[in-house]
Full PDB file with SEQRES, HELIX, SHEET, SSBOND, CRYST1, ORIGX, SCALE, CONECT and MASTER records, all heavy atoms in Angstrom:
SEQRES   1 A   40  LEU PRO TYR GLN PRO ARG MET ILE ASN ARG VAL ILE GLY          
SEQRES   2 A   40  ASP VAL ALA THR HIS LEU ALA ASP LEU THR ALA ARG GLY          
SEQRES   3 A   40  PHE GLU PHE SER ASP THR ARG ASP ALA ARG GLY ASN VAL          
SEQRES   4 A   40  VAL                                                          
HELIX    1 AA1 ILE A    8  ALA A   24  1                                  17    
CRYST1    1.000    1.000    1.000  90.00  90.00  90.00 P 1           1          
ORIGX1      1.000000  0.000000  0.000000        0.00000                         
ORIGX2      0.000000  1.000000  0.000000        0.00000                         
ORIGX3      0.000000  0.000000  1.000000        0.00000                         
SCALE1      1.000000  0.000000  0.000000        0.00000                         
SCALE2      0.000000  1.000000  0.000000        0.00000                         
SCALE3      0.000000  0.000000  1.000000        0.00000                         
ATOM      1  N   LEU A   1       0.858  -1.176   0.000  1.00  0.00           N  
ATOM      2  CA  LEU A   1       0.000   0.000   0.000  1.00  0.00           C  
ATOM      3  C   LEU A   1       0.895   1.226   0.000  1.00  0.00           C  
ATOM      4  O   LEU A   1       2.077   1.130   0.349  1.00  0.00           O  
ATOM      5  CB  LEU A   1      -0.887  -0.003   1.251  1.00  0.00           C  
ATOM      6  CG  LEU A   1      -1.892  -1.161   1.329  1.00  0.00           C  
ATOM      7  CD1 LEU A   1      -2.589  -1.124   2.678  1.00  0.00           C  
ATOM      8  CD2 LEU A   1      -2.892  -1.069   0.202  1.00  0.00           C  
ATOM      9  N   PRO A   2       0.379   2.393  -0.347  1.00  0.00           N  
ATOM     10  CA  PRO A   2       1.211   3.600  -0.262  1.00  0.00           C  
ATOM     11  C   PRO A   2       1.797   3.737   1.143  1.00  0.00           C  
ATOM     12  O   PRO A   2       1.125   3.454   2.129  1.00  0.00           O  
ATOM     13  CB  PRO A   2       0.237   4.733  -0.574  1.00  0.00           C  
ATOM     14  CG  PRO A   2      -0.863   4.078  -1.334  1.00  0.00           C  
ATOM     15  CD  PRO A   2      -0.966   2.677  -0.807  1.00  0.00           C  
ATOM     16  N   TYR A   3       3.034   4.156   1.195  1.00  0.00           N  
ATOM     17  CA  TYR A   3       3.744   4.282   2.473  1.00  0.00           C  
ATOM     18  C   TYR A   3       3.077   5.297   3.383  1.00  0.00           C  
ATOM     19  O   TYR A   3       2.732   6.392   2.967  1.00  0.00           O  
ATOM     20  CB  TYR A   3       5.204   4.704   2.218  1.00  0.00           C  
ATOM     21  CG  TYR A   3       5.949   5.052   3.475  1.00  0.00           C  
ATOM     22  CD1 TYR A   3       6.245   4.073   4.406  1.00  0.00           C  
ATOM     23  CD2 TYR A   3       6.312   6.361   3.743  1.00  0.00           C  
ATOM     24  CE1 TYR A   3       6.905   4.377   5.570  1.00  0.00           C  
ATOM     25  CE2 TYR A   3       6.986   6.680   4.912  1.00  0.00           C  
ATOM     26  CZ  TYR A   3       7.283   5.683   5.819  1.00  0.00           C  
ATOM     27  OH  TYR A   3       7.926   6.001   6.975  1.00  0.00           O  
ATOM     28  N   GLN A   4       2.866   4.904   4.623  1.00  0.00           N  
ATOM     29  CA  GLN A   4       2.356   5.804   5.654  1.00  0.00           C  
ATOM     30  C   GLN A   4       3.468   6.012   6.677  1.00  0.00           C  
ATOM     31  O   GLN A   4       3.965   5.033   7.238  1.00  0.00           O  
ATOM     32  CB  GLN A   4       1.129   5.196   6.351  1.00  0.00           C  
ATOM     33  CG  GLN A   4      -0.050   4.985   5.428  1.00  0.00           C  
ATOM     34  CD  GLN A   4      -0.621   6.303   4.960  1.00  0.00           C  
ATOM     35  OE1 GLN A   4      -0.756   7.241   5.735  1.00  0.00           O  
ATOM     36  NE2 GLN A   4      -0.935   6.393   3.683  1.00  0.00           N  
ATOM     37  N   PRO A   5       3.892   7.250   6.938  1.00  0.00           N  
ATOM     38  CA  PRO A   5       4.975   7.468   7.897  1.00  0.00           C  
ATOM     39  C   PRO A   5       4.573   7.027   9.300  1.00  0.00           C  
ATOM     40  O   PRO A   5       3.412   7.086   9.660  1.00  0.00           O  
ATOM     41  CB  PRO A   5       5.203   8.982   7.834  1.00  0.00           C  
ATOM     42  CG  PRO A   5       3.977   9.544   7.245  1.00  0.00           C  
ATOM     43  CD  PRO A   5       3.372   8.480   6.386  1.00  0.00           C  
ATOM     44  N   ARG A   6       5.565   6.542  10.046  1.00  0.00           N  
ATOM     45  CA  ARG A   6       5.311   6.143  11.438  1.00  0.00           C  
ATOM     46  C   ARG A   6       4.946   7.359  12.257  1.00  0.00           C  
ATOM     47  O   ARG A   6       5.419   8.457  12.006  1.00  0.00           O  
ATOM     48  CB  ARG A   6       6.564   5.504  12.042  1.00  0.00           C  
ATOM     49  CG  ARG A   6       6.849   4.161  11.467  1.00  0.00           C  
ATOM     50  CD  ARG A   6       7.954   3.441  12.163  1.00  0.00           C  
ATOM     51  NE  ARG A   6       8.942   4.326  12.736  1.00  0.00           N  
ATOM     52  CZ  ARG A   6       9.640   4.033  13.819  1.00  0.00           C  
ATOM     53  NH1 ARG A   6       9.452   2.916  14.432  1.00  0.00           N  
ATOM     54  NH2 ARG A   6      10.540   4.861  14.274  1.00  0.00           N  
ATOM     55  N   MET A   7       4.128   7.145  13.249  1.00  0.00           N  
ATOM     56  CA  MET A   7       3.731   8.243  14.124  1.00  0.00           C  
ATOM     57  C   MET A   7       4.718   8.309  15.280  1.00  0.00           C  
ATOM     58  O   MET A   7       4.494   7.750  16.347  1.00  0.00           O  
ATOM     59  CB  MET A   7       2.306   8.030  14.631  1.00  0.00           C  
ATOM     60  CG  MET A   7       1.275   8.125  13.534  1.00  0.00           C  
ATOM     61  SD  MET A   7      -0.406   7.886  14.133  1.00  0.00           S  
ATOM     62  CE  MET A   7      -0.530   9.146  15.366  1.00  0.00           C  
ATOM     63  N   ILE A   8       5.851   8.973  15.057  1.00  0.00           N  
ATOM     64  CA  ILE A   8       6.904   9.033  16.077  1.00  0.00           C  
ATOM     65  C   ILE A   8       6.401   9.708  17.346  1.00  0.00           C  
ATOM     66  O   ILE A   8       6.796   9.346  18.442  1.00  0.00           O  
ATOM     67  CB  ILE A   8       8.183   9.719  15.529  1.00  0.00           C  
ATOM     68  CG1 ILE A   8       9.353   9.519  16.498  1.00  0.00           C  
ATOM     69  CG2 ILE A   8       7.952  11.194  15.268  1.00  0.00           C  
ATOM     70  CD1 ILE A   8       9.855   8.119  16.562  1.00  0.00           C  
ATOM     71  N   ASN A   9       5.474  10.665  17.218  1.00  0.00           N  
ATOM     72  CA  ASN A   9       4.956  11.317  18.416  1.00  0.00           C  
ATOM     73  C   ASN A   9       4.200  10.332  19.297  1.00  0.00           C  
ATOM     74  O   ASN A   9       4.234  10.424  20.512  1.00  0.00           O  
ATOM     75  CB  ASN A   9       4.087  12.535  18.055  1.00  0.00           C  
ATOM     76  CG  ASN A   9       2.982  12.196  17.077  1.00  0.00           C  
ATOM     77  OD1 ASN A   9       2.934  11.109  16.522  1.00  0.00           O  
ATOM     78  ND2 ASN A   9       2.114  13.150  16.856  1.00  0.00           N  
ATOM     79  N   ARG A  10       3.507   9.337  18.688  1.00  0.00           N  
ATOM     80  CA  ARG A  10       2.814   8.333  19.484  1.00  0.00           C  
ATOM     81  C   ARG A  10       3.822   7.437  20.198  1.00  0.00           C  
ATOM     82  O   ARG A  10       3.646   7.066  21.349  1.00  0.00           O  
ATOM     83  CB  ARG A  10       1.890   7.494  18.612  1.00  0.00           C  
ATOM     84  CG  ARG A  10       0.922   6.671  19.473  1.00  0.00           C  
ATOM     85  CD  ARG A  10       0.102   5.726  18.656  1.00  0.00           C  
ATOM     86  NE  ARG A  10       0.686   4.429  18.948  1.00  0.00           N  
ATOM     87  CZ  ARG A  10       0.785   3.429  18.105  1.00  0.00           C  
ATOM     88  NH1 ARG A  10       0.343   3.547  16.893  1.00  0.00           N  
ATOM     89  NH2 ARG A  10       1.330   2.307  18.460  1.00  0.00           N  
ATOM     90  N   VAL A  11       4.911   7.091  19.515  1.00  0.00           N  
ATOM     91  CA  VAL A  11       5.939   6.252  20.118  1.00  0.00           C  
ATOM     92  C   VAL A  11       6.559   6.962  21.316  1.00  0.00           C  
ATOM     93  O   VAL A  11       6.700   6.387  22.390  1.00  0.00           O  
ATOM     94  CB  VAL A  11       7.028   5.884  19.078  1.00  0.00           C  
ATOM     95  CG1 VAL A  11       8.187   5.164  19.735  1.00  0.00           C  
ATOM     96  CG2 VAL A  11       6.421   5.027  17.973  1.00  0.00           C  
ATOM     97  N   ILE A  12       6.893   8.251  21.149  1.00  0.00           N  
ATOM     98  CA  ILE A  12       7.468   9.021  22.250  1.00  0.00           C  
ATOM     99  C   ILE A  12       6.472   9.103  23.400  1.00  0.00           C  
ATOM    100  O   ILE A  12       6.827   8.918  24.560  1.00  0.00           O  
ATOM    101  CB  ILE A  12       7.880  10.430  21.782  1.00  0.00           C  
ATOM    102  CG1 ILE A  12       9.063  10.324  20.820  1.00  0.00           C  
ATOM    103  CG2 ILE A  12       8.230  11.333  22.962  1.00  0.00           C  
ATOM    104  CD1 ILE A  12       9.406  11.614  20.106  1.00  0.00           C  
ATOM    105  N   GLY A  13       5.196   9.341  23.072  1.00  0.00           N  
ATOM    106  CA  GLY A  13       4.163   9.426  24.104  1.00  0.00           C  
ATOM    107  C   GLY A  13       4.000   8.128  24.863  1.00  0.00           C  
ATOM    108  O   GLY A  13       3.844   8.119  26.079  1.00  0.00           O  
ATOM    109  N   ASP A  14       4.014   6.977  24.143  1.00  0.00           N  
ATOM    110  CA  ASP A  14       3.896   5.676  24.791  1.00  0.00           C  
ATOM    111  C   ASP A  14       5.048   5.445  25.763  1.00  0.00           C  
ATOM    112  O   ASP A  14       4.847   4.992  26.885  1.00  0.00           O  
ATOM    113  CB  ASP A  14       3.881   4.542  23.754  1.00  0.00           C  
ATOM    114  CG  ASP A  14       2.570   4.439  23.001  1.00  0.00           C  
ATOM    115  OD1 ASP A  14       1.585   5.086  23.409  1.00  0.00           O  
ATOM    116  OD2 ASP A  14       2.543   3.709  21.986  1.00  0.00           O  
ATOM    117  N   VAL A  15       6.263   5.736  25.329  1.00  0.00           N  
ATOM    118  CA  VAL A  15       7.436   5.532  26.188  1.00  0.00           C  
ATOM    119  C   VAL A  15       7.342   6.413  27.430  1.00  0.00           C  
ATOM    120  O   VAL A  15       7.570   5.952  28.547  1.00  0.00           O  
ATOM    121  CB  VAL A  15       8.750   5.782  25.413  1.00  0.00           C  
ATOM    122  CG1 VAL A  15       9.941   5.821  26.356  1.00  0.00           C  
ATOM    123  CG2 VAL A  15       8.947   4.695  24.360  1.00  0.00           C  
ATOM    124  N   ALA A  16       6.970   7.677  27.262  1.00  0.00           N  
ATOM    125  CA  ALA A  16       6.831   8.585  28.410  1.00  0.00           C  
ATOM    126  C   ALA A  16       5.768   8.078  29.377  1.00  0.00           C  
ATOM    127  O   ALA A  16       5.957   8.102  30.602  1.00  0.00           O  
ATOM    128  CB  ALA A  16       6.509   9.994  27.930  1.00  0.00           C  
ATOM    129  N   THR A  17       4.658   7.590  28.845  1.00  0.00           N  
ATOM    130  CA  THR A  17       3.583   7.052  29.693  1.00  0.00           C  
ATOM    131  C   THR A  17       4.063   5.819  30.441  1.00  0.00           C  
ATOM    132  O   THR A  17       3.817   5.674  31.644  1.00  0.00           O  
ATOM    133  CB  THR A  17       2.347   6.711  28.834  1.00  0.00           C  
ATOM    134  OG1 THR A  17       1.894   7.904  28.203  1.00  0.00           O  
ATOM    135  CG2 THR A  17       1.229   6.120  29.676  1.00  0.00           C  
ATOM    136  N   HIS A  18       4.762   4.910  29.759  1.00  0.00           N  
ATOM    137  CA  HIS A  18       5.274   3.698  30.407  1.00  0.00           C  
ATOM    138  C   HIS A  18       6.290   4.046  31.497  1.00  0.00           C  
ATOM    139  O   HIS A  18       6.287   3.433  32.570  1.00  0.00           O  
ATOM    140  CB  HIS A  18       5.905   2.758  29.391  1.00  0.00           C  
ATOM    141  CG  HIS A  18       4.946   2.217  28.371  1.00  0.00           C  
ATOM    142  ND1 HIS A  18       3.620   1.940  28.623  1.00  0.00           N  
ATOM    143  CD2 HIS A  18       5.129   1.895  27.078  1.00  0.00           C  
ATOM    144  CE1 HIS A  18       3.035   1.477  27.541  1.00  0.00           C  
ATOM    145  NE2 HIS A  18       3.937   1.448  26.572  1.00  0.00           N  
ATOM    146  N   LEU A  19       7.160   5.025  31.234  1.00  0.00           N  
ATOM    147  CA  LEU A  19       8.130   5.440  32.257  1.00  0.00           C  
ATOM    148  C   LEU A  19       7.411   6.010  33.477  1.00  0.00           C  
ATOM    149  O   LEU A  19       7.805   5.749  34.619  1.00  0.00           O  
ATOM    150  CB  LEU A  19       9.119   6.454  31.683  1.00  0.00           C  
ATOM    151  CG  LEU A  19      10.115   5.906  30.654  1.00  0.00           C  
ATOM    152  CD1 LEU A  19      10.953   7.037  30.071  1.00  0.00           C  
ATOM    153  CD2 LEU A  19      11.001   4.834  31.257  1.00  0.00           C  
ATOM    154  N   ALA A  20       6.355   6.774  33.258  1.00  0.00           N  
ATOM    155  CA  ALA A  20       5.572   7.313  34.375  1.00  0.00           C  
ATOM    156  C   ALA A  20       4.915   6.188  35.169  1.00  0.00           C  
ATOM    157  O   ALA A  20       4.888   6.212  36.411  1.00  0.00           O  
ATOM    158  CB  ALA A  20       4.522   8.299  33.856  1.00  0.00           C  
ATOM    159  N   ASP A  21       4.379   5.171  34.469  1.00  0.00           N  
ATOM    160  CA  ASP A  21       3.766   4.024  35.146  1.00  0.00           C  
ATOM    161  C   ASP A  21       4.795   3.258  35.971  1.00  0.00           C  
ATOM    162  O   ASP A  21       4.508   2.838  37.099  1.00  0.00           O  
ATOM    163  CB  ASP A  21       3.116   3.082  34.128  1.00  0.00           C  
ATOM    164  CG  ASP A  21       1.887   3.674  33.454  1.00  0.00           C  
ATOM    165  OD1 ASP A  21       1.350   4.688  33.961  1.00  0.00           O  
ATOM    166  OD2 ASP A  21       1.477   3.129  32.404  1.00  0.00           O  
ATOM    167  N   LEU A  22       5.993   3.074  35.433  1.00  0.00           N  
ATOM    168  CA  LEU A  22       7.049   2.391  36.179  1.00  0.00           C  
ATOM    169  C   LEU A  22       7.490   3.211  37.393  1.00  0.00           C  
ATOM    170  O   LEU A  22       7.754   2.657  38.459  1.00  0.00           O  
ATOM    171  CB  LEU A  22       8.239   2.083  35.267  1.00  0.00           C  
ATOM    172  CG  LEU A  22       7.995   0.974  34.234  1.00  0.00           C  
ATOM    173  CD1 LEU A  22       9.140   0.916  33.228  1.00  0.00           C  
ATOM    174  CD2 LEU A  22       7.799  -0.376  34.910  1.00  0.00           C  
ATOM    175  N   THR A  23       7.564   4.522  37.245  1.00  0.00           N  
ATOM    176  CA  THR A  23       7.911   5.392  38.374  1.00  0.00           C  
ATOM    177  C   THR A  23       6.869   5.240  39.478  1.00  0.00           C  
ATOM    178  O   THR A  23       7.216   5.167  40.665  1.00  0.00           O  
ATOM    179  CB  THR A  23       8.021   6.857  37.913  1.00  0.00           C  
ATOM    180  OG1 THR A  23       9.047   6.941  36.919  1.00  0.00           O  
ATOM    181  CG2 THR A  23       8.377   7.775  39.070  1.00  0.00           C  
ATOM    182  N   ALA A  24       5.592   5.174  39.108  1.00  0.00           N  
ATOM    183  CA  ALA A  24       4.526   4.994  40.091  1.00  0.00           C  
ATOM    184  C   ALA A  24       4.661   3.652  40.815  1.00  0.00           C  
ATOM    185  O   ALA A  24       4.214   3.520  41.955  1.00  0.00           O  
ATOM    186  CB  ALA A  24       3.166   5.099  39.409  1.00  0.00           C  
ATOM    187  N   ARG A  25       5.297   2.675  40.185  1.00  0.00           N  
ATOM    188  CA  ARG A  25       5.505   1.360  40.801  1.00  0.00           C  
ATOM    189  C   ARG A  25       6.783   1.297  41.635  1.00  0.00           C  
ATOM    190  O   ARG A  25       7.131   0.244  42.145  1.00  0.00           O  
ATOM    191  CB  ARG A  25       5.555   0.275  39.735  1.00  0.00           C  
ATOM    192  CG  ARG A  25       4.213   0.034  39.092  1.00  0.00           C  
ATOM    193  CD  ARG A  25       4.281  -1.161  38.190  1.00  0.00           C  
ATOM    194  NE  ARG A  25       3.009  -1.347  37.530  1.00  0.00           N  
ATOM    195  CZ  ARG A  25       2.719  -2.382  36.781  1.00  0.00           C  
ATOM    196  NH1 ARG A  25       3.619  -3.322  36.602  1.00  0.00           N  
ATOM    197  NH2 ARG A  25       1.546  -2.483  36.212  1.00  0.00           N  
ATOM    198  N   GLY A  26       7.510   2.399  41.716  1.00  0.00           N  
ATOM    199  CA  GLY A  26       8.692   2.425  42.560  1.00  0.00           C  
ATOM    200  C   GLY A  26      10.025   2.428  41.842  1.00  0.00           C  
ATOM    201  O   GLY A  26      11.073   2.387  42.480  1.00  0.00           O  
ATOM    202  N   PHE A  27      10.013   2.459  40.505  1.00  0.00           N  
ATOM    203  CA  PHE A  27      11.269   2.562  39.782  1.00  0.00           C  
ATOM    204  C   PHE A  27      11.864   3.945  39.980  1.00  0.00           C  
ATOM    205  O   PHE A  27      11.140   4.940  40.039  1.00  0.00           O  
ATOM    206  CB  PHE A  27      11.056   2.333  38.274  1.00  0.00           C  
ATOM    207  CG  PHE A  27      11.074   0.899  37.866  1.00  0.00           C  
ATOM    208  CD1 PHE A  27       9.963   0.103  38.039  1.00  0.00           C  
ATOM    209  CD2 PHE A  27      12.218   0.332  37.310  1.00  0.00           C  
ATOM    210  CE1 PHE A  27       9.964  -1.226  37.665  1.00  0.00           C  
ATOM    211  CE2 PHE A  27      12.232  -0.992  36.925  1.00  0.00           C  
ATOM    212  CZ  PHE A  27      11.101  -1.778  37.108  1.00  0.00           C  
ATOM    213  N   GLU A  28      13.175   3.993  40.080  1.00  0.00           N  
ATOM    214  CA  GLU A  28      13.899   5.261  40.120  1.00  0.00           C  
ATOM    215  C   GLU A  28      14.750   5.327  38.863  1.00  0.00           C  
ATOM    216  O   GLU A  28      15.455   4.369  38.534  1.00  0.00           O  
ATOM    217  CB  GLU A  28      14.754   5.359  41.369  1.00  0.00           C  
ATOM    218  CG  GLU A  28      13.912   5.434  42.636  1.00  0.00           C  
ATOM    219  CD  GLU A  28      14.747   5.668  43.875  1.00  0.00           C  
ATOM    220  OE1 GLU A  28      15.874   6.195  43.754  1.00  0.00           O  
ATOM    221  OE2 GLU A  28      14.265   5.317  44.959  1.00  0.00           O  
ATOM    222  N   PHE A  29      14.670   6.468  38.155  1.00  0.00           N  
ATOM    223  CA  PHE A  29      15.349   6.618  36.873  1.00  0.00           C  
ATOM    224  C   PHE A  29      16.441   7.669  36.937  1.00  0.00           C  
ATOM    225  O   PHE A  29      16.362   8.634  37.701  1.00  0.00           O  
ATOM    226  CB  PHE A  29      14.342   7.009  35.774  1.00  0.00           C  
ATOM    227  CG  PHE A  29      13.447   5.883  35.371  1.00  0.00           C  
ATOM    228  CD1 PHE A  29      12.221   5.706  35.991  1.00  0.00           C  
ATOM    229  CD2 PHE A  29      13.844   4.986  34.404  1.00  0.00           C  
ATOM    230  CE1 PHE A  29      11.394   4.656  35.638  1.00  0.00           C  
ATOM    231  CE2 PHE A  29      13.035   3.929  34.034  1.00  0.00           C  
ATOM    232  CZ  PHE A  29      11.797   3.765  34.658  1.00  0.00           C  
ATOM    233  N   SER A  30      17.466   7.456  36.124  1.00  0.00           N  
ATOM    234  CA  SER A  30      18.523   8.446  35.931  1.00  0.00           C  
ATOM    235  C   SER A  30      18.946   8.359  34.478  1.00  0.00           C  
ATOM    236  O   SER A  30      18.598   7.419  33.763  1.00  0.00           O  
ATOM    237  CB  SER A  30      19.713   8.169  36.862  1.00  0.00           C  
ATOM    238  OG  SER A  30      20.310   6.938  36.529  1.00  0.00           O  
ATOM    239  N   ASP A  31      19.684   9.369  34.035  1.00  0.00           N  
ATOM    240  CA  ASP A  31      20.183   9.322  32.664  1.00  0.00           C  
ATOM    241  C   ASP A  31      21.675   9.582  32.653  1.00  0.00           C  
ATOM    242  O   ASP A  31      22.219  10.188  33.562  1.00  0.00           O  
ATOM    243  CB  ASP A  31      19.450  10.309  31.747  1.00  0.00           C  
ATOM    244  CG  ASP A  31      19.572  11.744  32.197  1.00  0.00           C  
ATOM    245  OD1 ASP A  31      20.709  12.260  32.282  1.00  0.00           O  
ATOM    246  OD2 ASP A  31      18.542  12.378  32.462  1.00  0.00           O  
ATOM    247  N   THR A  32      22.318   9.066  31.627  1.00  0.00           N  
ATOM    248  CA  THR A  32      23.738   9.301  31.396  1.00  0.00           C  
ATOM    249  C   THR A  32      23.847  10.180  30.166  1.00  0.00           C  
ATOM    250  O   THR A  32      23.188   9.927  29.164  1.00  0.00           O  
ATOM    251  CB  THR A  32      24.481   7.964  31.163  1.00  0.00           C  
ATOM    252  OG1 THR A  32      24.261   7.121  32.289  1.00  0.00           O  
ATOM    253  CG2 THR A  32      25.963   8.194  30.947  1.00  0.00           C  
ATOM    254  N   ARG A  33      24.663  11.224  30.257  1.00  0.00           N  
ATOM    255  CA  ARG A  33      24.805  12.172  29.151  1.00  0.00           C  
ATOM    256  C   ARG A  33      26.237  12.199  28.653  1.00  0.00           C  
ATOM    257  O   ARG A  33      27.167  11.932  29.404  1.00  0.00           O  
ATOM    258  CB  ARG A  33      24.390  13.570  29.611  1.00  0.00           C  
ATOM    259  CG  ARG A  33      22.917  13.621  29.965  1.00  0.00           C  
ATOM    260  CD  ARG A  33      22.517  14.964  30.573  1.00  0.00           C  
ATOM    261  NE  ARG A  33      21.127  14.943  30.956  1.00  0.00           N  
ATOM    262  CZ  ARG A  33      20.145  15.457  30.224  1.00  0.00           C  
ATOM    263  NH1 ARG A  33      20.422  16.052  29.095  1.00  0.00           N  
ATOM    264  NH2 ARG A  33      18.898  15.388  30.630  1.00  0.00           N  
ATOM    265  N   ASP A  34      26.378  12.560  27.384  1.00  0.00           N  
ATOM    266  CA  ASP A  34      27.718  12.701  26.824  1.00  0.00           C  
ATOM    267  C   ASP A  34      28.277  14.079  27.175  1.00  0.00           C  
ATOM    268  O   ASP A  34      27.638  14.864  27.890  1.00  0.00           O  
ATOM    269  CB  ASP A  34      27.726  12.448  25.314  1.00  0.00           C  
ATOM    270  CG  ASP A  34      26.902  13.461  24.520  1.00  0.00           C  
ATOM    271  OD1 ASP A  34      26.552  14.528  25.058  1.00  0.00           O  
ATOM    272  OD2 ASP A  34      26.614  13.169  23.341  1.00  0.00           O  
ATOM    273  N   ALA A  35      29.460  14.392  26.688  1.00  0.00           N  
ATOM    274  CA  ALA A  35      30.136  15.643  27.020  1.00  0.00           C  
ATOM    275  C   ALA A  35      29.340  16.874  26.589  1.00  0.00           C  
ATOM    276  O   ALA A  35      29.477  17.945  27.182  1.00  0.00           O  
ATOM    277  CB  ALA A  35      31.527  15.683  26.378  1.00  0.00           C  
ATOM    278  N   ARG A  36      28.477  16.727  25.586  1.00  0.00           N  
ATOM    279  CA  ARG A  36      27.676  17.858  25.109  1.00  0.00           C  
ATOM    280  C   ARG A  36      26.328  17.974  25.819  1.00  0.00           C  
ATOM    281  O   ARG A  36      25.539  18.849  25.522  1.00  0.00           O  
ATOM    282  CB  ARG A  36      27.462  17.741  23.608  1.00  0.00           C  
ATOM    283  CG  ARG A  36      28.795  17.802  22.848  1.00  0.00           C  
ATOM    284  CD  ARG A  36      28.563  17.918  21.426  1.00  0.00           C  
ATOM    285  NE  ARG A  36      27.955  19.230  21.179  1.00  0.00           N  
ATOM    286  CZ  ARG A  36      27.871  19.793  20.003  1.00  0.00           C  
ATOM    287  NH1 ARG A  36      28.345  19.164  18.969  1.00  0.00           N  
ATOM    288  NH2 ARG A  36      27.314  20.960  19.847  1.00  0.00           N  
ATOM    289  N   GLY A  37      26.042  17.042  26.730  1.00  0.00           N  
ATOM    290  CA  GLY A  37      24.788  17.085  27.464  1.00  0.00           C  
ATOM    291  C   GLY A  37      23.664  16.284  26.842  1.00  0.00           C  
ATOM    292  O   GLY A  37      22.540  16.304  27.324  1.00  0.00           O  
ATOM    293  N   ASN A  38      23.938  15.542  25.768  1.00  0.00           N  
ATOM    294  CA  ASN A  38      22.921  14.726  25.123  1.00  0.00           C  
ATOM    295  C   ASN A  38      22.706  13.431  25.900  1.00  0.00           C  
ATOM    296  O   ASN A  38      23.665  12.808  26.352  1.00  0.00           O  
ATOM    297  CB  ASN A  38      23.324  14.382  23.688  1.00  0.00           C  
ATOM    298  CG  ASN A  38      23.477  15.623  22.847  1.00  0.00           C  
ATOM    299  OD1 ASN A  38      22.611  16.480  22.824  1.00  0.00           O  
ATOM    300  ND2 ASN A  38      24.610  15.730  22.161  1.00  0.00           N  
ATOM    301  N   VAL A  39      21.451  13.014  26.056  1.00  0.00           N  
ATOM    302  CA  VAL A  39      21.141  11.779  26.756  1.00  0.00           C  
ATOM    303  C   VAL A  39      21.637  10.594  25.932  1.00  0.00           C  
ATOM    304  O   VAL A  39      21.321  10.473  24.756  1.00  0.00           O  
ATOM    305  CB  VAL A  39      19.624  11.655  27.020  1.00  0.00           C  
ATOM    306  CG1 VAL A  39      19.292  10.303  27.636  1.00  0.00           C  
ATOM    307  CG2 VAL A  39      19.136  12.787  27.908  1.00  0.00           C  
ATOM    308  N   VAL A  40      22.433   9.731  26.572  1.00  0.00           N  
ATOM    309  CA  VAL A  40      22.977   8.557  25.921  1.00  0.00           C  
ATOM    310  C   VAL A  40      22.182   7.316  26.319  1.00  0.00           C  
ATOM    311  O   VAL A  40      21.896   6.448  25.508  1.00  0.00           O  
ATOM    312  CB  VAL A  40      24.469   8.369  26.277  1.00  0.00           C  
ATOM    313  CG1 VAL A  40      25.036   7.107  25.667  1.00  0.00           C  
ATOM    314  CG2 VAL A  40      25.272   9.580  25.857  1.00  0.00           C  
TER     315      VAL A  40                                                      
MASTER        0    0    0    1    0    0    0    6  314    1    0    4          
END                                                                             
């Protein structure tokens, strides 16, 4: 069928929602960044 682009905003939203659900269950999160401050 004609190509339909992926809905990247939905993917980002799903991940953010899942991270919030895990935080509510007691997960603690941190991030590691490179020298420029980008999340690795």
